[in-house]
Amino acid sequence: MTRLILLLLLFSAAVIAVSTVISLFQPTSTVPPRQQKEFPMPATFQYIAYALLIALMFGVVTGWLGGA
């Protein structure tokens, strides 16, 4: 059983190595990536979300939230 696992591990490492070498020889695309439109959140919402995130992290670190 151990030999089978080692053989599968060696086979998967060889497949990864071969696919890496093949990907190095493929030409890269010269087409520029599409720009995605982002809709900015209102500043007030960003400040509230940031404050809640800090409060959540503080609560987890001090043990108020989560944990036993």
PDB file of N, CA and C in Angstrom:
ATOM      1  N   MET A   1       0.824  -1.188   0.000  1.00  0.00           N
ATOM      2  CA  MET A   1       0.000   0.000   0.000  1.00  0.00           C
ATOM      3  C   MET A   1       0.872   1.257   0.000  1.00  0.00           C
ATOM      4  N   THR A   2       1.939   1.228   0.759  1.00  0.00           N
ATOM      5  CA  THR A   2       2.843   2.374   0.812  1.00  0.00           C
ATOM      6  C   THR A   2       3.492   2.612  -0.536  1.00  0.00           C
ATOM      7  N   ARG A   3       3.843   1.515  -1.207  1.00  0.00           N
ATOM      8  CA  ARG A   3       4.456   1.652  -2.535  1.00  0.00           C
ATOM      9  C   ARG A   3       3.478   2.291  -3.519  1.00  0.00           C
ATOM     10  N   LEU A   4       2.220   1.939  -3.417  1.00  0.00           N
ATOM     11  CA  LEU A   4       1.202   2.504  -4.293  1.00  0.00           C
ATOM     12  C   LEU A   4       1.059   4.009  -4.055  1.00  0.00           C
ATOM     13  N   ILE A   5       1.035   4.406  -2.802  1.00  0.00           N
ATOM     14  CA  ILE A   5       0.920   5.833  -2.471  1.00  0.00           C
ATOM     15  C   ILE A   5       2.148   6.587  -2.963  1.00  0.00           C
ATOM     16  N   LEU A   6       3.320   6.017  -2.764  1.00  0.00           N
ATOM     17  CA  LEU A   6       4.543   6.674  -3.239  1.00  0.00           C
ATOM     18  C   LEU A   6       4.577   6.748  -4.760  1.00  0.00           C
ATOM     19  N   LEU A   7       4.092   5.711  -5.423  1.00  0.00           N
ATOM     20  CA  LEU A   7       4.041   5.716  -6.879  1.00  0.00           C
ATOM     21  C   LEU A   7       3.083   6.797  -7.382  1.00  0.00           C
ATOM     22  N   LEU A   8       1.918   6.935  -6.748  1.00  0.00           N
ATOM     23  CA  LEU A   8       0.968   7.974  -7.120  1.00  0.00           C
ATOM     24  C   LEU A   8       1.529   9.368  -6.842  1.00  0.00           C
ATOM     25  N   LEU A   9       2.255   9.504  -5.766  1.00  0.00           N
ATOM     26  CA  LEU A   9       2.885  10.784  -5.438  1.00  0.00           C
ATOM     27  C   LEU A   9       3.943  11.147  -6.478  1.00  0.00           C
ATOM     28  N   LEU A  10       4.740  10.181  -6.878  1.00  0.00           N
ATOM     29  CA  LEU A  10       5.758  10.411  -7.898  1.00  0.00           C
ATOM     30  C   LEU A  10       5.116  10.744  -9.239  1.00  0.00           C
ATOM     31  N   PHE A  11       4.043  10.046  -9.562  1.00  0.00           N
ATOM     32  CA  PHE A  11       3.340  10.308 -10.816  1.00  0.00           C
ATOM     33  C   PHE A  11       2.744  11.712 -10.833  1.00  0.00           C
ATOM     34  N   SER A  12       2.129  12.122  -9.734  1.00  0.00           N
ATOM     35  CA  SER A  12       1.536  13.464  -9.684  1.00  0.00           C
ATOM     36  C   SER A  12       2.615  14.541  -9.739  1.00  0.00           C
ATOM     37  N   ALA A  13       3.763  14.310  -9.119  1.00  0.00           N
ATOM     38  CA  ALA A  13       4.862  15.273  -9.196  1.00  0.00           C
ATOM     39  C   ALA A  13       5.381  15.385 -10.625  1.00  0.00           C
ATOM     40  N   ALA A  14       5.448  14.253 -11.332  1.00  0.00           N
ATOM     41  CA  ALA A  14       5.894  14.285 -12.725  1.00  0.00           C
ATOM     42  C   ALA A  14       4.896  15.023 -13.602  1.00  0.00           C
ATOM     43  N   VAL A  15       3.614  14.825 -13.378  1.00  0.00           N
ATOM     44  CA  VAL A  15       2.586  15.523 -14.161  1.00  0.00           C
ATOM     45  C   VAL A  15       2.657  17.021 -13.915  1.00  0.00           C
ATOM     46  N   ILE A  16       2.831  17.422 -12.677  1.00  0.00           N
ATOM     47  CA  ILE A  16       2.954  18.846 -12.348  1.00  0.00           C
ATOM     48  C   ILE A  16       4.198  19.440 -12.993  1.00  0.00           C
ATOM     49  N   ALA A  17       5.310  18.725 -12.950  1.00  0.00           N
ATOM     50  CA  ALA A  17       6.544  19.222 -13.551  1.00  0.00           C
ATOM     51  C   ALA A  17       6.407  19.371 -15.056  1.00  0.00           C
ATOM     52  N   VAL A  18       5.818  18.383 -15.707  1.00  0.00           N
ATOM     53  CA  VAL A  18       5.648  18.446 -17.165  1.00  0.00           C
ATOM     54  C   VAL A  18       4.706  19.575 -17.548  1.00  0.00           C
ATOM     55  N   SER A  19       3.612  19.745 -16.825  1.00  0.00           N
ATOM     56  CA  SER A  19       2.676  20.823 -17.150  1.00  0.00           C
ATOM     57  C   SER A  19       3.290  22.194 -16.916  1.00  0.00           C
ATOM     58  N   THR A  20       4.168  22.309 -15.940  1.00  0.00           N
ATOM     59  CA  THR A  20       4.862  23.571 -15.701  1.00  0.00           C
ATOM     60  C   THR A  20       5.816  23.890 -16.837  1.00  0.00           C
ATOM     61  N   VAL A  21       6.565  22.892 -17.283  1.00  0.00           N
ATOM     62  CA  VAL A  21       7.499  23.103 -18.390  1.00  0.00           C
ATOM     63  C   VAL A  21       6.744  23.455 -19.668  1.00  0.00           C
ATOM     64  N   ILE A  22       5.632  22.783 -19.917  1.00  0.00           N
ATOM     65  CA  ILE A  22       4.843  23.074 -21.115  1.00  0.00           C
ATOM     66  C   ILE A  22       4.285  24.492 -21.053  1.00  0.00           C
ATOM     67  N   SER A  23       3.828  24.918 -19.894  1.00  0.00           N
ATOM     68  CA  SER A  23       3.263  26.266 -19.784  1.00  0.00           C
ATOM     69  C   SER A  23       4.326  27.345 -19.951  1.00  0.00           C
ATOM     70  N   LEU A  24       5.581  27.026 -19.677  1.00  0.00           N
ATOM     71  CA  LEU A  24       6.653  28.000 -19.870  1.00  0.00           C
ATOM     72  C   LEU A  24       6.916  28.270 -21.346  1.00  0.00           C
ATOM     73  N   PHE A  25       6.651  27.287 -22.192  1.00  0.00           N
ATOM     74  CA  PHE A  25       6.936  27.437 -23.615  1.00  0.00           C
ATOM     75  C   PHE A  25       5.756  27.967 -24.417  1.00  0.00           C
ATOM     76  N   GLN A  26       4.601  28.113 -23.809  1.00  0.00           N
ATOM     77  CA  GLN A  26       3.447  28.647 -24.528  1.00  0.00           C
ATOM     78  C   GLN A  26       3.538  30.166 -24.585  1.00  0.00           C
ATOM     79  N   PRO A  27       3.182  30.758 -25.720  1.00  0.00           N
ATOM     80  CA  PRO A  27       3.255  32.219 -25.831  1.00  0.00           C
ATOM     81  C   PRO A  27       2.215  32.885 -24.935  1.00  0.00           C
ATOM     82  N   THR A  28       2.594  34.034 -24.427  1.00  0.00           N
ATOM     83  CA  THR A  28       1.660  34.767 -23.579  1.00  0.00           C
ATOM     84  C   THR A  28       0.736  35.610 -24.442  1.00  0.00           C
ATOM     85  N   SER A  29      -0.385  35.927 -23.933  1.00  0.00           N
ATOM     86  CA  SER A  29      -1.375  36.699 -24.665  1.00  0.00           C
ATOM     87  C   SER A  29      -0.977  38.174 -24.689  1.00  0.00           C
ATOM     88  N   THR A  30      -1.110  38.802 -25.853  1.00  0.00           N
ATOM     89  CA  THR A  30      -0.788  40.218 -25.964  1.00  0.00           C
ATOM     90  C   THR A  30      -2.032  41.087 -25.868  1.00  0.00           C
ATOM     91  N   VAL A  31      -3.190  40.476 -25.680  1.00  0.00           N
ATOM     92  CA  VAL A  31      -4.432  41.220 -25.558  1.00  0.00           C
ATOM     93  C   VAL A  31      -4.518  41.782 -24.141  1.00  0.00           C
ATOM     94  N   PRO A  32      -4.722  43.091 -24.007  1.00  0.00           N
ATOM     95  CA  PRO A  32      -4.806  43.647 -22.655  1.00  0.00           C
ATOM     96  C   PRO A  32      -6.065  43.152 -21.941  1.00  0.00           C
ATOM     97  N   PRO A  33      -5.976  42.928 -20.643  1.00  0.00           N
ATOM     98  CA  PRO A  33      -7.150  42.439 -19.914  1.00  0.00           C
ATOM     99  C   PRO A  33      -8.244  43.502 -19.871  1.00  0.00           C
ATOM    100  N   ARG A  34      -9.479  43.025 -19.827  1.00  0.00           N
ATOM    101  CA  ARG A  34     -10.608  43.940 -19.753  1.00  0.00           C
ATOM    102  C   ARG A  34     -10.642  44.617 -18.392  1.00  0.00           C
ATOM    103  N   GLN A  35     -10.955  45.882 -18.391  1.00  0.00           N
ATOM    104  CA  GLN A  35     -11.078  46.600 -17.135  1.00  0.00           C
ATOM    105  C   GLN A  35     -12.481  46.402 -16.596  1.00  0.00           C
ATOM    106  N   GLN A  36     -12.536  45.983 -15.349  1.00  0.00           N
ATOM    107  CA  GLN A  36     -13.830  45.759 -14.738  1.00  0.00           C
ATOM    108  C   GLN A  36     -14.302  47.052 -14.085  1.00  0.00           C
ATOM    109  N   LYS A  37     -15.559  47.328 -14.241  1.00  0.00           N
ATOM    110  CA  LYS A  37     -16.114  48.528 -13.637  1.00  0.00           C
ATOM    111  C   LYS A  37     -16.444  48.236 -12.183  1.00  0.00           C
ATOM    112  N   GLU A  38     -15.920  49.074 -11.311  1.00  0.00           N
ATOM    113  CA  GLU A  38     -16.224  48.947  -9.898  1.00  0.00           C
ATOM    114  C   GLU A  38     -17.124  50.102  -9.491  1.00  0.00           C
ATOM    115  N   PHE A  39     -18.122  49.764  -8.728  1.00  0.00           N
ATOM    116  CA  PHE A  39     -19.006  50.798  -8.228  1.00  0.00           C
ATOM    117  C   PHE A  39     -18.576  51.123  -6.805  1.00  0.00           C
ATOM    118  N   PRO A  40     -18.047  52.317  -6.588  1.00  0.00           N
ATOM    119  CA  PRO A  40     -17.548  52.650  -5.253  1.00  0.00           C
ATOM    120  C   PRO A  40     -18.682  52.766  -4.241  1.00  0.00           C
ATOM    121  N   MET A  41     -18.398  52.338  -3.040  1.00  0.00           N
ATOM    122  CA  MET A  41     -19.377  52.463  -1.969  1.00  0.00           C
ATOM    123  C   MET A  41     -19.340  53.900  -1.452  1.00  0.00           C
ATOM    124  N   PRO A  42     -20.417  54.365  -0.873  1.00  0.00           N
ATOM    125  CA  PRO A  42     -20.395  55.690  -0.265  1.00  0.00           C
ATOM    126  C   PRO A  42     -19.383  55.734   0.882  1.00  0.00           C
ATOM    127  N   ALA A  43     -18.789  56.888   1.099  1.00  0.00           N
ATOM    128  CA  ALA A  43     -17.738  57.026   2.114  1.00  0.00           C
ATOM    129  C   ALA A  43     -18.257  56.674   3.504  1.00  0.00           C
ATOM    130  N   THR A  44     -19.483  57.054   3.816  1.00  0.00           N
ATOM    131  CA  THR A  44     -20.017  56.751   5.147  1.00  0.00           C
ATOM    132  C   THR A  44     -20.119  55.253   5.369  1.00  0.00           C
ATOM    133  N   PHE A  45     -20.559  54.551   4.340  1.00  0.00           N
ATOM    134  CA  PHE A  45     -20.675  53.100   4.449  1.00  0.00           C
ATOM    135  C   PHE A  45     -19.300  52.464   4.630  1.00  0.00           C
ATOM    136  N   GLN A  46     -18.286  52.988   3.948  1.00  0.00           N
ATOM    137  CA  GLN A  46     -16.922  52.466   4.099  1.00  0.00           C
ATOM    138  C   GLN A  46     -16.422  52.663   5.524  1.00  0.00           C
ATOM    139  N   TYR A  47     -16.655  53.834   6.102  1.00  0.00           N
ATOM    140  CA  TYR A  47     -16.202  54.111   7.471  1.00  0.00           C
ATOM    141  C   TYR A  47     -16.912  53.219   8.481  1.00  0.00           C
ATOM    142  N   ILE A  48     -18.210  53.014   8.292  1.00  0.00           N
ATOM    143  CA  ILE A  48     -18.958  52.155   9.212  1.00  0.00           C
ATOM    144  C   ILE A  48     -18.479  50.713   9.108  1.00  0.00           C
ATOM    145  N   ALA A  49     -18.278  50.234   7.888  1.00  0.00           N
ATOM    146  CA  ALA A  49     -17.806  48.859   7.695  1.00  0.00           C
ATOM    147  C   ALA A  49     -16.414  48.673   8.281  1.00  0.00           C
ATOM    148  N   TYR A  50     -15.557  49.679   8.109  1.00  0.00           N
ATOM    149  CA  TYR A  50     -14.200  49.590   8.661  1.00  0.00           C
ATOM    150  C   TYR A  50     -14.244  49.565  10.183  1.00  0.00           C
ATOM    151  N   ALA A  51     -15.072  50.401  10.801  1.00  0.00           N
ATOM    152  CA  ALA A  51     -15.190  50.421  12.263  1.00  0.00           C
ATOM    153  C   ALA A  51     -15.730  49.098  12.783  1.00  0.00           C
ATOM    154  N   LEU A  52     -16.719  48.527  12.086  1.00  0.00           N
ATOM    155  CA  LEU A  52     -17.253  47.231  12.505  1.00  0.00           C
ATOM    156  C   LEU A  52     -16.221  46.117  12.358  1.00  0.00           C
ATOM    157  N   LEU A  53     -15.401  46.199  11.320  1.00  0.00           N
ATOM    158  CA  LEU A  53     -14.345  45.206  11.143  1.00  0.00           C
ATOM    159  C   LEU A  53     -13.324  45.283  12.265  1.00  0.00           C
ATOM    160  N   ILE A  54     -12.924  46.492  12.639  1.00  0.00           N
ATOM    161  CA  ILE A  54     -11.972  46.663  13.743  1.00  0.00           C
ATOM    162  C   ILE A  54     -12.585  46.144  15.039  1.00  0.00           C
ATOM    163  N   ALA A  55     -13.865  46.455  15.283  1.00  0.00           N
ATOM    164  CA  ALA A  55     -14.535  45.970  16.486  1.00  0.00           C
ATOM    165  C   ALA A  55     -14.614  44.446  16.498  1.00  0.00           C
ATOM    166  N   LEU A  56     -14.884  43.842  15.351  1.00  0.00           N
ATOM    167  CA  LEU A  56     -14.945  42.384  15.262  1.00  0.00           C
ATOM    168  C   LEU A  56     -13.572  41.767  15.546  1.00  0.00           C
ATOM    169  N   MET A  57     -12.531  42.339  14.950  1.00  0.00           N
ATOM    170  CA  MET A  57     -11.183  41.799  15.193  1.00  0.00           C
ATOM    171  C   MET A  57     -10.793  41.959  16.663  1.00  0.00           C
ATOM    172  N   PHE A  58     -11.117  43.098  17.253  1.00  0.00           N
ATOM    173  CA  PHE A  58     -10.805  43.308  18.667  1.00  0.00           C
ATOM    174  C   PHE A  58     -11.564  42.313  19.538  1.00  0.00           C
ATOM    175  N   GLY A  59     -12.836  42.054  19.201  1.00  0.00           N
ATOM    176  CA  GLY A  59     -13.631  41.110  19.978  1.00  0.00           C
ATOM    177  C   GLY A  59     -13.100  39.693  19.883  1.00  0.00           C
ATOM    178  N   VAL A  60     -12.611  39.305  18.712  1.00  0.00           N
ATOM    179  CA  VAL A  60     -12.060  37.968  18.557  1.00  0.00           C
ATOM    180  C   VAL A  60     -10.742  37.830  19.310  1.00  0.00           C
ATOM    181  N   VAL A  61      -9.909  38.875  19.216  1.00  0.00           N
ATOM    182  CA  VAL A  61      -8.595  38.810  19.867  1.00  0.00           C
ATOM    183  C   VAL A  61      -8.735  38.763  21.382  1.00  0.00           C
ATOM    184  N   THR A  62      -9.644  39.546  21.939  1.00  0.00           N
ATOM    185  CA  THR A  62      -9.794  39.584  23.384  1.00  0.00           C
ATOM    186  C   THR A  62     -10.607  38.418  23.934  1.00  0.00           C
ATOM    187  N   GLY A  63     -11.309  37.696  23.067  1.00  0.00           N
ATOM    188  CA  GLY A  63     -12.081  36.548  23.535  1.00  0.00           C
ATOM    189  C   GLY A  63     -13.540  36.860  23.766  1.00  0.00           C
ATOM    190  N   TRP A  64     -13.978  38.065  23.483  1.00  0.00           N
ATOM    191  CA  TRP A  64     -15.388  38.402  23.641  1.00  0.00           C
ATOM    192  C   TRP A  64     -16.226  37.654  22.625  1.00  0.00           C
ATOM    193  N   LEU A  65     -15.699  37.469  21.432  1.00  0.00           N
ATOM    194  CA  LEU A  65     -16.415  36.781  20.367  1.00  0.00           C
ATOM    195  C   LEU A  65     -15.683  35.496  20.006  1.00  0.00           C
ATOM    196  N   GLY A  66     -16.428  34.466  19.724  1.00  0.00           N
ATOM    197  CA  GLY A  66     -15.820  33.204  19.307  1.00  0.00           C
ATOM    198  C   GLY A  66     -15.064  32.525  20.439  1.00  0.00           C
ATOM    199  N   GLY A  67     -14.483  31.403  20.120  1.00  0.00           N
ATOM    200  CA  GLY A  67     -13.693  30.685  21.120  1.00  0.00           C
ATOM    201  C   GLY A  67     -14.561  30.129  22.238  1.00  0.00           C
ATOM    202  N   ALA A  68     -13.917  29.429  23.147  1.00  0.00           N
ATOM    203  CA  ALA A  68     -14.666  28.838  24.257  1.00  0.00           C
ATOM    204  C   ALA A  68     -14.403  29.569  25.540  1.00  0.00           C
TER     205      ALA A  68
END
